PDB file of N, CA and C in Angstrom:
ATOM      1  N   MET A   1       0.828  -1.177  -0.129  1.00  0.00           N
ATOM      2  CA  MET A   1      -0.060   0.001   0.065  1.00  0.00           C
ATOM      3  C   MET A   1       1.107   1.424   0.294  1.00  0.00           C
ATOM      4  N   HIS A   2       1.860   1.051   0.880  1.00  0.00           N
ATOM      5  CA  HIS A   2       2.786   2.713   0.959  1.00  0.00           C
ATOM      6  C   HIS A   2       3.559   2.613  -0.228  1.00  0.00           C
ATOM      7  N   HIS A   3       3.989   1.413  -0.683  1.00  0.00           N
ATOM      8  CA  HIS A   3       4.810   1.744  -2.112  1.00  0.00           C
ATOM      9  C   HIS A   3       4.104   2.353  -3.360  1.00  0.00           C
ATOM     10  N   GLN A   4       2.603   1.576  -3.291  1.00  0.00           N
ATOM     11  CA  GLN A   4       1.926   2.230  -4.472  1.00  0.00           C
ATOM     12  C   GLN A   4       1.482   3.748  -4.156  1.00  0.00           C
ATOM     13  N   LEU A   5       1.010   4.305  -2.820  1.00  0.00           N
ATOM     14  CA  LEU A   5       1.038   5.540  -2.875  1.00  0.00           C
ATOM     15  C   LEU A   5       2.022   6.132  -2.997  1.00  0.00           C
ATOM     16  N   THR A   6       3.581   6.039  -2.724  1.00  0.00           N
ATOM     17  CA  THR A   6       4.860   6.676  -3.012  1.00  0.00           C
ATOM     18  C   THR A   6       4.941   6.719  -4.489  1.00  0.00           C
ATOM     19  N   SER A   7       4.777   5.650  -4.953  1.00  0.00           N
ATOM     20  CA  SER A   7       5.070   5.568  -6.690  1.00  0.00           C
ATOM     21  C   SER A   7       3.903   6.391  -7.289  1.00  0.00           C
ATOM     22  N   SER A   8       2.750   6.322  -6.999  1.00  0.00           N
ATOM     23  CA  SER A   8       1.608   7.630  -7.565  1.00  0.00           C
ATOM     24  C   SER A   8       1.967   9.010  -7.285  1.00  0.00           C
ATOM     25  N   ILE A   9       2.466   9.060  -5.994  1.00  0.00           N
ATOM     26  CA  ILE A   9       2.783  10.547  -5.665  1.00  0.00           C
ATOM     27  C   ILE A   9       4.304  10.833  -6.681  1.00  0.00           C
ATOM     28  N   THR A  10       5.074   9.893  -6.905  1.00  0.00           N
ATOM     29  CA  THR A  10       6.299  10.269  -7.383  1.00  0.00           C
ATOM     30  C   THR A  10       5.943  10.503  -9.021  1.00  0.00           C
ATOM     31  N   ARG A  11       5.210   9.782  -9.375  1.00  0.00           N
ATOM     32  CA  ARG A  11       4.573  10.029 -10.790  1.00  0.00           C
ATOM     33  C   ARG A  11       4.287  11.419 -11.008  1.00  0.00           C
ATOM     34  N   GLN A  12       3.078  11.769 -10.342  1.00  0.00           N
ATOM     35  CA  GLN A  12       2.647  13.037 -10.113  1.00  0.00           C
ATOM     36  C   GLN A  12       3.419  14.208 -10.009  1.00  0.00           C
ATOM     37  N   VAL A  13       4.416  14.057  -8.979  1.00  0.00           N
ATOM     38  CA  VAL A  13       5.412  15.247  -9.006  1.00  0.00           C
ATOM     39  C   VAL A  13       6.340  15.282 -10.368  1.00  0.00           C
ATOM     40  N   THR A  14       6.871  14.112 -10.863  1.00  0.00           N
ATOM     41  CA  THR A  14       7.523  13.976 -12.090  1.00  0.00           C
ATOM     42  C   THR A  14       6.779  14.632 -13.378  1.00  0.00           C
ATOM     43  N   LYS A  15       5.675  14.441 -13.474  1.00  0.00           N
ATOM     44  CA  LYS A  15       5.067  15.317 -14.597  1.00  0.00           C
ATOM     45  C   LYS A  15       5.164  16.789 -14.217  1.00  0.00           C
ATOM     46  N   LEU A  16       5.281  17.452 -12.739  1.00  0.00           N
ATOM     47  CA  LEU A  16       5.328  18.904 -12.847  1.00  0.00           C
ATOM     48  C   LEU A  16       6.783  19.470 -13.252  1.00  0.00           C
ATOM     49  N   CYS A  17       7.587  18.307 -13.382  1.00  0.00           N
ATOM     50  CA  CYS A  17       9.246  18.784 -13.488  1.00  0.00           C
ATOM     51  C   CYS A  17       9.419  19.231 -15.161  1.00  0.00           C
ATOM     52  N   GLY A  18      10.264  20.163 -15.302  1.00  0.00           N
ATOM     53  CA  GLY A  18      10.495  20.449 -16.381  1.00  0.00           C
ATOM     54  C   GLY A  18      10.399  21.982 -17.009  1.00  0.00           C
ATOM     55  N   PRO A  19      10.699  22.398 -18.094  1.00  0.00           N
ATOM     56  CA  PRO A  19      10.364  23.711 -18.219  1.00  0.00           C
ATOM     57  C   PRO A  19       9.021  24.571 -17.671  1.00  0.00           C
ATOM     58  N   GLU A  20       9.002  25.811 -17.257  1.00  0.00           N
ATOM     59  CA  GLU A  20       7.692  26.324 -17.120  1.00  0.00           C
ATOM     60  C   GLU A  20       7.804  27.362 -18.164  1.00  0.00           C
ATOM     61  N   PRO A  21       6.406  27.364 -18.918  1.00  0.00           N
ATOM     62  CA  PRO A  21       6.452  27.976 -20.047  1.00  0.00           C
ATOM     63  C   PRO A  21       6.208  29.793 -19.595  1.00  0.00           C
ATOM     64  N   LEU A  22       5.541  30.050 -18.606  1.00  0.00           N
ATOM     65  CA  LEU A  22       5.707  31.471 -18.557  1.00  0.00           C
ATOM     66  C   LEU A  22       6.761  32.161 -17.869  1.00  0.00           C
ATOM     67  N   THR A  23       7.824  31.483 -17.826  1.00  0.00           N
ATOM     68  CA  THR A  23       9.376  32.120 -17.165  1.00  0.00           C
ATOM     69  C   THR A  23       9.688  33.306 -18.311  1.00  0.00           C
ATOM     70  N   LYS A  24       9.641  32.459 -19.696  1.00  0.00           N
ATOM     71  CA  LYS A  24      10.189  33.410 -20.759  1.00  0.00           C
ATOM     72  C   LYS A  24       9.239  35.102 -20.408  1.00  0.00           C
ATOM     73  N   TYR A  25       7.745  34.991 -20.165  1.00  0.00           N
ATOM     74  CA  TYR A  25       7.336  35.924 -20.409  1.00  0.00           C
ATOM     75  C   TYR A  25       7.272  37.008 -19.237  1.00  0.00           C
ATOM     76  N   VAL A  26       7.115  36.097 -18.292  1.00  0.00           N
ATOM     77  CA  VAL A  26       7.614  37.166 -16.862  1.00  0.00           C
ATOM     78  C   VAL A  26       8.960  37.700 -16.666  1.00  0.00           C
ATOM     79  N   VAL A  27      10.190  36.895 -17.256  1.00  0.00           N
ATOM     80  CA  VAL A  27      11.530  37.351 -17.357  1.00  0.00           C
ATOM     81  C   VAL A  27      11.607  38.616 -18.173  1.00  0.00           C
ATOM     82  N   THR A  28      10.854  38.626 -19.655  1.00  0.00           N
ATOM     83  CA  THR A  28      11.148  39.675 -20.603  1.00  0.00           C
ATOM     84  C   THR A  28      10.240  40.925 -19.930  1.00  0.00           C
ATOM     85  N   GLY A  29       9.210  40.459 -19.200  1.00  0.00           N
ATOM     86  CA  GLY A  29       8.491  41.525 -18.896  1.00  0.00           C
ATOM     87  C   GLY A  29       9.232  42.393 -17.836  1.00  0.00           C
ATOM     88  N   VAL A  30       9.975  41.950 -16.803  1.00  0.00           N
ATOM     89  CA  VAL A  30      10.870  42.415 -15.840  1.00  0.00           C
ATOM     90  C   VAL A  30      11.865  43.105 -16.492  1.00  0.00           C
ATOM     91  N   VAL A  31      12.722  42.566 -17.532  1.00  0.00           N
ATOM     92  CA  VAL A  31      13.940  43.042 -18.126  1.00  0.00           C
ATOM     93  C   VAL A  31      12.994  44.399 -18.813  1.00  0.00           C
ATOM     94  N   ALA A  32      12.105  44.498 -19.553  1.00  0.00           N
ATOM     95  CA  ALA A  32      11.350  45.762 -19.998  1.00  0.00           C
ATOM     96  C   ALA A  32      11.012  46.507 -19.086  1.00  0.00           C
ATOM     97  N   LEU A  33      10.503  46.177 -18.052  1.00  0.00           N
ATOM     98  CA  LEU A  33      10.234  47.370 -16.885  1.00  0.00           C
ATOM     99  C   LEU A  33      11.610  47.950 -16.228  1.00  0.00           C
ATOM    100  N   GLN A  34      12.549  47.218 -16.275  1.00  0.00           N
ATOM    101  CA  GLN A  34      13.917  47.653 -15.851  1.00  0.00           C
ATOM    102  C   GLN A  34      14.288  48.913 -16.747  1.00  0.00           C
ATOM    103  N   LEU A  35      14.315  48.389 -18.433  1.00  0.00           N
ATOM    104  CA  LEU A  35      14.695  49.498 -19.139  1.00  0.00           C
ATOM    105  C   LEU A  35      14.019  50.587 -19.375  1.00  0.00           C
ATOM    106  N   LEU A  36      12.933  50.449 -19.204  1.00  0.00           N
ATOM    107  CA  LEU A  36      11.677  51.618 -19.050  1.00  0.00           C
ATOM    108  C   LEU A  36      11.898  52.556 -18.333  1.00  0.00           C
ATOM    109  N   LEU A  37      12.135  52.106 -16.564  1.00  0.00           N
ATOM    110  CA  LEU A  37      12.511  52.987 -15.667  1.00  0.00           C
ATOM    111  C   LEU A  37      13.520  53.464 -16.094  1.00  0.00           C
ATOM    112  N   ALA A  38      14.449  52.848 -16.201  1.00  0.00           N
ATOM    113  CA  ALA A  38      15.897  53.533 -16.654  1.00  0.00           C
ATOM    114  C   ALA A  38      15.923  54.752 -17.507  1.00  0.00           C
ATOM    115  N   HIS A  39      15.043  54.634 -18.517  1.00  0.00           N
ATOM    116  CA  HIS A  39      14.924  55.356 -19.571  1.00  0.00           C
ATOM    117  C   HIS A  39      14.169  56.744 -19.042  1.00  0.00           C
ATOM    118  N   LEU A  40      12.913  56.526 -18.192  1.00  0.00           N
ATOM    119  CA  LEU A  40      12.396  57.247 -17.765  1.00  0.00           C
ATOM    120  C   LEU A  40      12.929  58.230 -16.801  1.00  0.00           C
ATOM    121  N   LEU A  41      13.556  57.661 -16.050  1.00  0.00           N
ATOM    122  CA  LEU A  41      14.666  58.329 -14.968  1.00  0.00           C
ATOM    123  C   LEU A  41      16.144  58.797 -15.700  1.00  0.00           C
ATOM    124  N   ARG A  42      16.460  58.871 -16.608  1.00  0.00           N
ATOM    125  CA  ARG A  42      17.479  59.369 -17.343  1.00  0.00           C
ATOM    126  C   ARG A  42      17.868  60.571 -16.964  1.00  0.00           C
ATOM    127  N   ASP A  43      16.852  61.700 -16.632  1.00  0.00           N
ATOM    128  CA  ASP A  43      17.260  62.939 -16.586  1.00  0.00           C
ATOM    129  C   ASP A  43      16.960  63.189 -15.130  1.00  0.00           C
ATOM    130  N   THR A  44      16.745  62.134 -14.198  1.00  0.00           N
ATOM    131  CA  THR A  44      16.494  62.482 -12.725  1.00  0.00           C
ATOM    132  C   THR A  44      17.559  62.499 -12.080  1.00  0.00           C
ATOM    133  N   SER A  45      17.820  63.403 -11.001  1.00  0.00           N
ATOM    134  CA  SER A  45      19.127  63.565 -10.244  1.00  0.00           C
ATOM    135  C   SER A  45      19.382  62.087  -9.434  1.00  0.00           C
ATOM    136  N   PHE A  46      20.328  61.807  -9.176  1.00  0.00           N
ATOM    137  CA  PHE A  46      21.142  60.436  -8.444  1.00  0.00           C
ATOM    138  C   PHE A  46      20.528  60.628  -7.366  1.00  0.00           C
ATOM    139  N   TRP A  47      20.342  61.849  -6.589  1.00  0.00           N
ATOM    140  CA  TRP A  47      20.276  62.299  -5.067  1.00  0.00           C
ATOM    141  C   TRP A  47      18.519  62.723  -4.979  1.00  0.00           C
ATOM    142  N   SER A  48      18.009  62.609  -5.868  1.00  0.00           N
ATOM    143  CA  SER A  48      16.421  63.010  -5.640  1.00  0.00           C
ATOM    144  C   SER A  48      15.611  61.743  -5.107  1.00  0.00           C
ATOM    145  N   TRP A  49      14.411  62.167  -4.475  1.00  0.00           N
ATOM    146  CA  TRP A  49      13.838  61.261  -3.776  1.00  0.00           C
ATOM    147  C   TRP A  49      13.005  60.111  -4.627  1.00  0.00           C
ATOM    148  N   LYS A  50      12.595  60.942  -5.705  1.00  0.00           N
ATOM    149  CA  LYS A  50      11.841  60.319  -6.725  1.00  0.00           C
ATOM    150  C   LYS A  50      13.217  59.056  -7.179  1.00  0.00           C
ATOM    151  N   PHE A  51      14.120  59.037  -7.764  1.00  0.00           N
ATOM    152  CA  PHE A  51      15.230  58.453  -8.084  1.00  0.00           C
ATOM    153  C   PHE A  51      15.239  56.919  -7.116  1.00  0.00           C
ATOM    154  N   TRP A  52      15.273  57.565  -5.795  1.00  0.00           N
ATOM    155  CA  TRP A  52      15.371  56.412  -4.742  1.00  0.00           C
ATOM    156  C   TRP A  52      14.494  55.529  -4.462  1.00  0.00           C
ATOM    157  N   ALA A  53      13.410  55.977  -4.631  1.00  0.00           N
ATOM    158  CA  ALA A  53      11.990  55.420  -4.158  1.00  0.00           C
ATOM    159  C   ALA A  53      11.988  54.580  -5.506  1.00  0.00           C
ATOM    160  N   VAL A  54      11.882  55.055  -6.582  1.00  0.00           N
ATOM    161  CA  VAL A  54      11.870  53.739  -7.883  1.00  0.00           C
ATOM    162  C   VAL A  54      12.760  52.802  -7.655  1.00  0.00           C
ATOM    163  N   ALA A  55      14.214  53.498  -7.358  1.00  0.00           N
ATOM    164  CA  ALA A  55      15.374  52.149  -7.234  1.00  0.00           C
ATOM    165  C   ALA A  55      14.958  51.157  -5.982  1.00  0.00           C
ATOM    166  N   TYR A  56      14.539  51.866  -4.876  1.00  0.00           N
ATOM    167  CA  TYR A  56      14.142  50.772  -3.810  1.00  0.00           C
ATOM    168  C   TYR A  56      13.065  50.018  -4.106  1.00  0.00           C
ATOM    169  N   VAL A  57      11.979  50.407  -4.616  1.00  0.00           N
ATOM    170  CA  VAL A  57      10.847  49.549  -4.797  1.00  0.00           C
ATOM    171  C   VAL A  57      10.716  48.628  -5.830  1.00  0.00           C
ATOM    172  N   PHE A  58      10.961  49.503  -7.397  1.00  0.00           N
ATOM    173  CA  PHE A  58      10.786  49.031  -8.514  1.00  0.00           C
ATOM    174  C   PHE A  58      12.185  48.193  -8.758  1.00  0.00           C
ATOM    175  N   GLY A  59      13.393  48.665  -8.420  1.00  0.00           N
ATOM    176  CA  GLY A  59      14.671  48.163  -8.941  1.00  0.00           C
ATOM    177  C   GLY A  59      14.973  47.047  -8.116  1.00  0.00           C
ATOM    178  N   ALA A  60      14.859  47.041  -6.932  1.00  0.00           N
ATOM    179  CA  ALA A  60      15.348  46.199  -5.926  1.00  0.00           C
ATOM    180  C   ALA A  60      14.475  44.813  -5.886  1.00  0.00           C
ATOM    181  N   THR A  61      12.960  44.985  -6.207  1.00  0.00           N
ATOM    182  CA  THR A  61      12.026  43.943  -6.368  1.00  0.00           C
ATOM    183  C   THR A  61      12.383  43.199  -7.909  1.00  0.00           C
ATOM    184  N   SER A  62      12.547  43.968  -8.564  1.00  0.00           N
ATOM    185  CA  SER A  62      13.150  43.329 -10.114  1.00  0.00           C
ATOM    186  C   SER A  62      14.241  42.779 -10.128  1.00  0.00           C
ATOM    187  N   ASN A  63      15.233  43.448  -9.619  1.00  0.00           N
ATOM    188  CA  ASN A  63      16.555  42.651  -9.437  1.00  0.00           C
ATOM    189  C   ASN A  63      16.499  41.415  -8.846  1.00  0.00           C
ATOM    190  N   GLN A  64      15.608  41.127  -7.687  1.00  0.00           N
ATOM    191  CA  GLN A  64      15.590  39.894  -6.894  1.00  0.00           C
ATOM    192  C   GLN A  64      14.798  39.427  -7.828  1.00  0.00           C
ATOM    193  N   ASN A  65      13.742  39.582  -8.338  1.00  0.00           N
ATOM    194  CA  ASN A  65      13.022  38.619  -9.149  1.00  0.00           C
ATOM    195  C   ASN A  65      13.935  37.965 -10.577  1.00  0.00           C
ATOM    196  N   LEU A  66      14.777  38.760 -10.891  1.00  0.00           N
ATOM    197  CA  LEU A  66      15.830  38.391 -11.745  1.00  0.00           C
ATOM    198  C   LEU A  66      16.724  37.300 -11.307  1.00  0.00           C
ATOM    199  N   PHE A  67      17.371  37.846 -10.277  1.00  0.00           N
ATOM    200  CA  PHE A  67      18.473  36.862  -9.433  1.00  0.00           C
ATOM    201  C   PHE A  67      17.805  35.063  -9.349  1.00  0.00           C
ATOM    202  N   LEU A  68      16.345  35.272  -8.976  1.00  0.00           N
ATOM    203  CA  LEU A  68      15.643  34.087  -8.617  1.00  0.00           C
ATOM    204  C   LEU A  68      15.611  33.394 -10.326  1.00  0.00           C
ATOM    205  N   ALA A  69      14.993  34.166 -11.099  1.00  0.00           N
ATOM    206  CA  ALA A  69      14.817  33.690 -12.431  1.00  0.00           C
ATOM    207  C   ALA A  69      15.954  32.956 -13.287  1.00  0.00           C
ATOM    208  N   ILE A  70      17.144  33.776 -13.257  1.00  0.00           N
ATOM    209  CA  ILE A  70      18.297  33.302 -13.553  1.00  0.00           C
ATOM    210  C   ILE A  70      18.931  31.869 -12.824  1.00  0.00           C
ATOM    211  N   HIS A  71      18.524  31.762 -11.426  1.00  0.00           N
ATOM    212  CA  HIS A  71      18.917  30.423 -10.961  1.00  0.00           C
ATOM    213  C   HIS A  71      18.100  29.632 -11.431  1.00  0.00           C
ATOM    214  N   GLU A  72      16.557  29.611 -11.729  1.00  0.00           N
ATOM    215  CA  GLU A  72      15.695  28.561 -12.491  1.00  0.00           C
ATOM    216  C   GLU A  72      16.111  28.718 -13.595  1.00  0.00           C
ATOM    217  N   ILE A  73      16.761  29.334 -14.407  1.00  0.00           N
ATOM    218  CA  ILE A  73      17.201  29.196 -16.041  1.00  0.00           C
ATOM    219  C   ILE A  73      18.516  28.526 -15.980  1.00  0.00           C
ATOM    220  N   SER A  74      19.203  28.463 -14.799  1.00  0.00           N
ATOM    221  CA  SER A  74      20.389  27.722 -14.859  1.00  0.00           C
ATOM    222  C   SER A  74      20.248  26.322 -14.777  1.00  0.00           C
ATOM    223  N   HIS A  75      18.989  26.103 -14.206  1.00  0.00           N
ATOM    224  CA  HIS A  75      18.466  24.604 -14.400  1.00  0.00           C
ATOM    225  C   HIS A  75      17.767  24.265 -15.470  1.00  0.00           C
ATOM    226  N   ASN A  76      17.881  25.087 -16.545  1.00  0.00           N
ATOM    227  CA  ASN A  76      17.196  24.686 -17.994  1.00  0.00           C
ATOM    228  C   ASN A  76      15.655  24.596 -17.735  1.00  0.00           C
ATOM    229  N   LEU A  77      15.171  25.553 -16.757  1.00  0.00           N
ATOM    230  CA  LEU A  77      13.543  25.707 -16.607  1.00  0.00           C
ATOM    231  C   LEU A  77      12.804  26.667 -17.478  1.00  0.00           C
ATOM    232  N   ALA A  78      13.455  27.560 -18.408  1.00  0.00           N
ATOM    233  CA  ALA A  78      12.879  28.231 -19.279  1.00  0.00           C
ATOM    234  C   ALA A  78      12.604  27.913 -20.620  1.00  0.00           C
ATOM    235  N   PHE A  79      13.380  27.002 -21.083  1.00  0.00           N
ATOM    236  CA  PHE A  79      13.458  26.565 -22.272  1.00  0.00           C
ATOM    237  C   PHE A  79      14.111  25.063 -22.421  1.00  0.00           C
ATOM    238  N   ARG A  80      13.628  24.380 -23.396  1.00  0.00           N
ATOM    239  CA  ARG A  80      13.887  22.811 -23.539  1.00  0.00           C
ATOM    240  C   ARG A  80      15.449  22.784 -23.894  1.00  0.00           C
ATOM    241  N   SER A  81      15.821  23.489 -24.623  1.00  0.00           N
ATOM    242  CA  SER A  81      17.168  23.625 -25.108  1.00  0.00           C
ATOM    243  C   SER A  81      18.132  24.156 -24.044  1.00  0.00           C
ATOM    244  N   PRO A  82      19.439  23.519 -23.957  1.00  0.00           N
ATOM    245  CA  PRO A  82      20.527  24.226 -22.839  1.00  0.00           C
ATOM    246  C   PRO A  82      21.093  25.565 -23.360  1.00  0.00           C
ATOM    247  N   LEU A  83      21.148  25.554 -24.867  1.00  0.00           N
ATOM    248  CA  LEU A  83      21.597  26.937 -25.399  1.00  0.00           C
ATOM    249  C   LEU A  83      20.733  27.927 -25.248  1.00  0.00           C
ATOM    250  N   ALA A  84      19.571  27.813 -25.578  1.00  0.00           N
ATOM    251  CA  ALA A  84      18.625  28.853 -25.490  1.00  0.00           C
ATOM    252  C   ALA A  84      18.416  29.465 -23.883  1.00  0.00           C
ATOM    253  N   ASN A  85      18.420  28.404 -23.099  1.00  0.00           N
ATOM    254  CA  ASN A  85      18.380  28.601 -21.671  1.00  0.00           C
ATOM    255  C   ASN A  85      19.766  29.614 -21.526  1.00  0.00           C
ATOM    256  N   ARG A  86      20.695  29.443 -21.820  1.00  0.00           N
ATOM    257  CA  ARG A  86      22.114  30.146 -21.589  1.00  0.00           C
ATOM    258  C   ARG A  86      21.893  31.594 -21.975  1.00  0.00           C
ATOM    259  N   LEU A  87      21.581  31.536 -23.367  1.00  0.00           N
ATOM    260  CA  LEU A  87      21.281  33.107 -23.863  1.00  0.00           C
ATOM    261  C   LEU A  87      20.237  33.958 -23.307  1.00  0.00           C
ATOM    262  N   PHE A  88      19.067  33.140 -22.864  1.00  0.00           N
ATOM    263  CA  PHE A  88      17.819  33.669 -22.150  1.00  0.00           C
ATOM    264  C   PHE A  88      18.607  34.392 -20.613  1.00  0.00           C
ATOM    265  N   ALA A  89      19.281  33.667 -20.083  1.00  0.00           N
ATOM    266  CA  ALA A  89      20.019  33.684 -18.691  1.00  0.00           C
ATOM    267  C   ALA A  89      20.817  35.067 -19.042  1.00  0.00           C
ATOM    268  N   ILE A  90      21.672  35.467 -20.027  1.00  0.00           N
ATOM    269  CA  ILE A  90      22.378  36.548 -20.320  1.00  0.00           C
ATOM    270  C   ILE A  90      21.736  37.683 -20.768  1.00  0.00           C
ATOM    271  N   PHE A  91      20.311  37.364 -21.216  1.00  0.00           N
ATOM    272  CA  PHE A  91      19.133  38.618 -21.504  1.00  0.00           C
ATOM    273  C   PHE A  91      18.666  39.094 -20.207  1.00  0.00           C
ATOM    274  N   ALA A  92      18.349  37.934 -19.382  1.00  0.00           N
ATOM    275  CA  ALA A  92      17.912  38.522 -18.006  1.00  0.00           C
ATOM    276  C   ALA A  92      18.529  39.109 -17.041  1.00  0.00           C
ATOM    277  N   ASN A  93      19.831  38.918 -17.311  1.00  0.00           N
ATOM    278  CA  ASN A  93      21.110  39.672 -16.516  1.00  0.00           C
ATOM    279  C   ASN A  93      21.363  40.965 -17.110  1.00  0.00           C
ATOM    280  N   LEU A  94      20.769  41.445 -18.391  1.00  0.00           N
ATOM    281  CA  LEU A  94      21.183  42.699 -18.634  1.00  0.00           C
ATOM    282  C   LEU A  94      20.853  44.052 -17.613  1.00  0.00           C
ATOM    283  N   PRO A  95      19.733  44.103 -17.156  1.00  0.00           N
ATOM    284  CA  PRO A  95      19.451  45.086 -16.038  1.00  0.00           C
ATOM    285  C   PRO A  95      20.322  45.120 -14.734  1.00  0.00           C
ATOM    286  N   ILE A  96      20.836  43.869 -14.500  1.00  0.00           N
ATOM    287  CA  ILE A  96      21.827  43.722 -13.286  1.00  0.00           C
ATOM    288  C   ILE A  96      22.785  44.399 -13.477  1.00  0.00           C
ATOM    289  N   GLY A  97      23.667  44.532 -14.670  1.00  0.00           N
ATOM    290  CA  GLY A  97      24.917  45.092 -14.574  1.00  0.00           C
ATOM    291  C   GLY A  97      26.139  44.582 -14.204  1.00  0.00           C
ATOM    292  N   VAL A  98      26.070  43.598 -13.747  1.00  0.00           N
ATOM    293  CA  VAL A  98      27.190  42.625 -13.297  1.00  0.00           C
ATOM    294  C   VAL A  98      27.010  41.512 -13.712  1.00  0.00           C
ATOM    295  N   PRO A  99      27.919  40.852 -14.415  1.00  0.00           N
ATOM    296  CA  PRO A  99      27.913  39.567 -15.258  1.00  0.00           C
ATOM    297  C   PRO A  99      27.503  38.466 -14.285  1.00  0.00           C
ATOM    298  N   TYR A 100      26.472  38.202 -13.720  1.00  0.00           N
ATOM    299  CA  TYR A 100      26.246  37.027 -12.902  1.00  0.00           C
ATOM    300  C   TYR A 100      25.459  35.909 -13.409  1.00  0.00           C
ATOM    301  N   SER A 101      25.044  35.666 -14.627  1.00  0.00           N
ATOM    302  CA  SER A 101      24.548  34.482 -14.905  1.00  0.00           C
ATOM    303  C   SER A 101      25.667  33.211 -15.588  1.00  0.00           C
ATOM    304  N   ALA A 102      26.494  33.979 -15.932  1.00  0.00           N
ATOM    305  CA  ALA A 102      27.709  33.302 -16.596  1.00  0.00           C
ATOM    306  C   ALA A 102      28.423  32.430 -15.158  1.00  0.00           C
ATOM    307  N   SER A 103      28.671  33.163 -14.119  1.00  0.00           N
ATOM    308  CA  SER A 103      29.441  32.383 -13.021  1.00  0.00           C
ATOM    309  C   SER A 103      28.401  31.525 -12.210  1.00  0.00           C
ATOM    310  N   PHE A 104      26.899  31.856 -12.216  1.00  0.00           N
ATOM    311  CA  PHE A 104      25.802  31.613 -11.477  1.00  0.00           C
ATOM    312  C   PHE A 104      25.978  29.892 -12.049  1.00  0.00           C
ATOM    313  N   ARG A 105      25.820  29.711 -13.596  1.00  0.00           N
ATOM    314  CA  ARG A 105      25.472  28.623 -14.117  1.00  0.00           C
ATOM    315  C   ARG A 105      26.698  27.478 -13.534  1.00  0.00           C
ATOM    316  N   VAL A 106      27.925  28.035 -13.046  1.00  0.00           N
ATOM    317  CA  VAL A 106      28.670  26.642 -12.909  1.00  0.00           C
ATOM    318  C   VAL A 106      28.783  26.566 -11.613  1.00  0.00           C
ATOM    319  N   THR A 107      28.305  27.615 -10.643  1.00  0.00           N
ATOM    320  CA  THR A 107      28.480  27.343  -9.348  1.00  0.00           C
ATOM    321  C   THR A 107      27.105  26.754  -8.351  1.00  0.00           C
ATOM    322  N   SER A 108      25.990  27.112  -9.334  1.00  0.00           N
ATOM    323  CA  SER A 108      24.585  26.638  -8.872  1.00  0.00           C
ATOM    324  C   SER A 108      24.562  25.144  -8.758  1.00  0.00           C
ATOM    325  N   PRO A 109      24.993  24.310  -9.621  1.00  0.00           N
ATOM    326  CA  PRO A 109      24.836  22.790  -9.383  1.00  0.00           C
ATOM    327  C   PRO A 109      25.809  22.307  -8.671  1.00  0.00           C
ATOM    328  N   PHE A 110      26.810  23.045  -8.266  1.00  0.00           N
ATOM    329  CA  PHE A 110      27.523  22.629  -7.288  1.00  0.00           C
ATOM    330  C   PHE A 110      27.095  22.673  -5.873  1.00  0.00           C
ATOM    331  N   PHE A 111      26.528  23.867  -5.440  1.00  0.00           N
ATOM    332  CA  PHE A 111      26.301  23.837  -4.340  1.00  0.00           C
ATOM    333  C   PHE A 111      24.660  23.119  -4.182  1.00  0.00           C
ATOM    334  N   SER A 112      23.864  23.026  -5.197  1.00  0.00           N
ATOM    335  CA  SER A 112      22.592  22.291  -5.153  1.00  0.00           C
ATOM    336  C   SER A 112      23.214  20.910  -4.696  1.00  0.00           C
ATOM    337  N   THR A 113      23.912  20.227  -5.251  1.00  0.00           N
ATOM    338  CA  THR A 113      24.571  18.706  -5.146  1.00  0.00           C
ATOM    339  C   THR A 113      25.074  18.972  -3.425  1.00  0.00           C
ATOM    340  N   ARG A 114      25.916  19.818  -3.098  1.00  0.00           N
ATOM    341  CA  ARG A 114      26.450  19.961  -1.641  1.00  0.00           C
ATOM    342  C   ARG A 114      25.187  20.009  -0.634  1.00  0.00           C
ATOM    343  N   LEU A 115      24.405  20.428  -0.998  1.00  0.00           N
ATOM    344  CA  LEU A 115      22.849  20.819  -0.068  1.00  0.00           C
ATOM    345  C   LEU A 115      22.116  19.561  -0.189  1.00  0.00           C
ATOM    346  N   ARG A 116      22.067  18.712  -1.120  1.00  0.00           N
ATOM    347  CA  ARG A 116      21.257  17.718  -0.938  1.00  0.00           C
ATOM    348  C   ARG A 116      22.121  16.614  -0.214  1.00  0.00           C
ATOM    349  N   ARG A 117      23.674  16.626  -0.369  1.00  0.00           N
ATOM    350  CA  ARG A 117      24.167  15.499   0.622  1.00  0.00           C
ATOM    351  C   ARG A 117      23.976  16.131   2.010  1.00  0.00           C
ATOM    352  N   ALA A 118      23.898  17.358   2.503  1.00  0.00           N
ATOM    353  CA  ALA A 118      23.899  17.717   3.876  1.00  0.00           C
ATOM    354  C   ALA A 118      23.006  17.431   4.399  1.00  0.00           C
ATOM    355  N   SER A 119      21.589  17.606   3.302  1.00  0.00           N
ATOM    356  CA  SER A 119      20.409  17.565   4.011  1.00  0.00           C
ATOM    357  C   SER A 119      20.008  16.304   4.868  1.00  0.00           C
ATOM    358  N   PRO A 120      19.150  16.323   6.119  1.00  0.00           N
ATOM    359  CA  PRO A 120      19.062  15.070   6.637  1.00  0.00           C
ATOM    360  C   PRO A 120      17.725  14.345   5.997  1.00  0.00           C
ATOM    361  N   ARG A 121      18.033  12.938   6.283  1.00  0.00           N
ATOM    362  CA  ARG A 121      17.112  12.145   5.235  1.00  0.00           C
ATOM    363  C   ARG A 121      16.108  11.557   6.071  1.00  0.00           C
TER     364      ARG A 121
END
């Protein structure tokens, strides 16, 4: 009984694994928002309240979204093709400014493997 239940749950969870179709649209929207805000604030003083409020609320939230998206993309969860995922990670990295996606792709699997080994079973 227990084995059948476990097998059934495993099959159901396995169906959920794989690329998430909405990722590419959400990431594209967030990148577009970041670029739009940069364009709209291009003449705003760095020391103005408007600049810092937009940077804090929209910039920080968008960057966190993109960091998490790049993590998902590094596991090939945006497209089926690894090359498409790598190129899309570079696109998602554009507003961040620091070339984060290239090094993350190398280190993320290492840390994920170490976490799995360290987790209690």
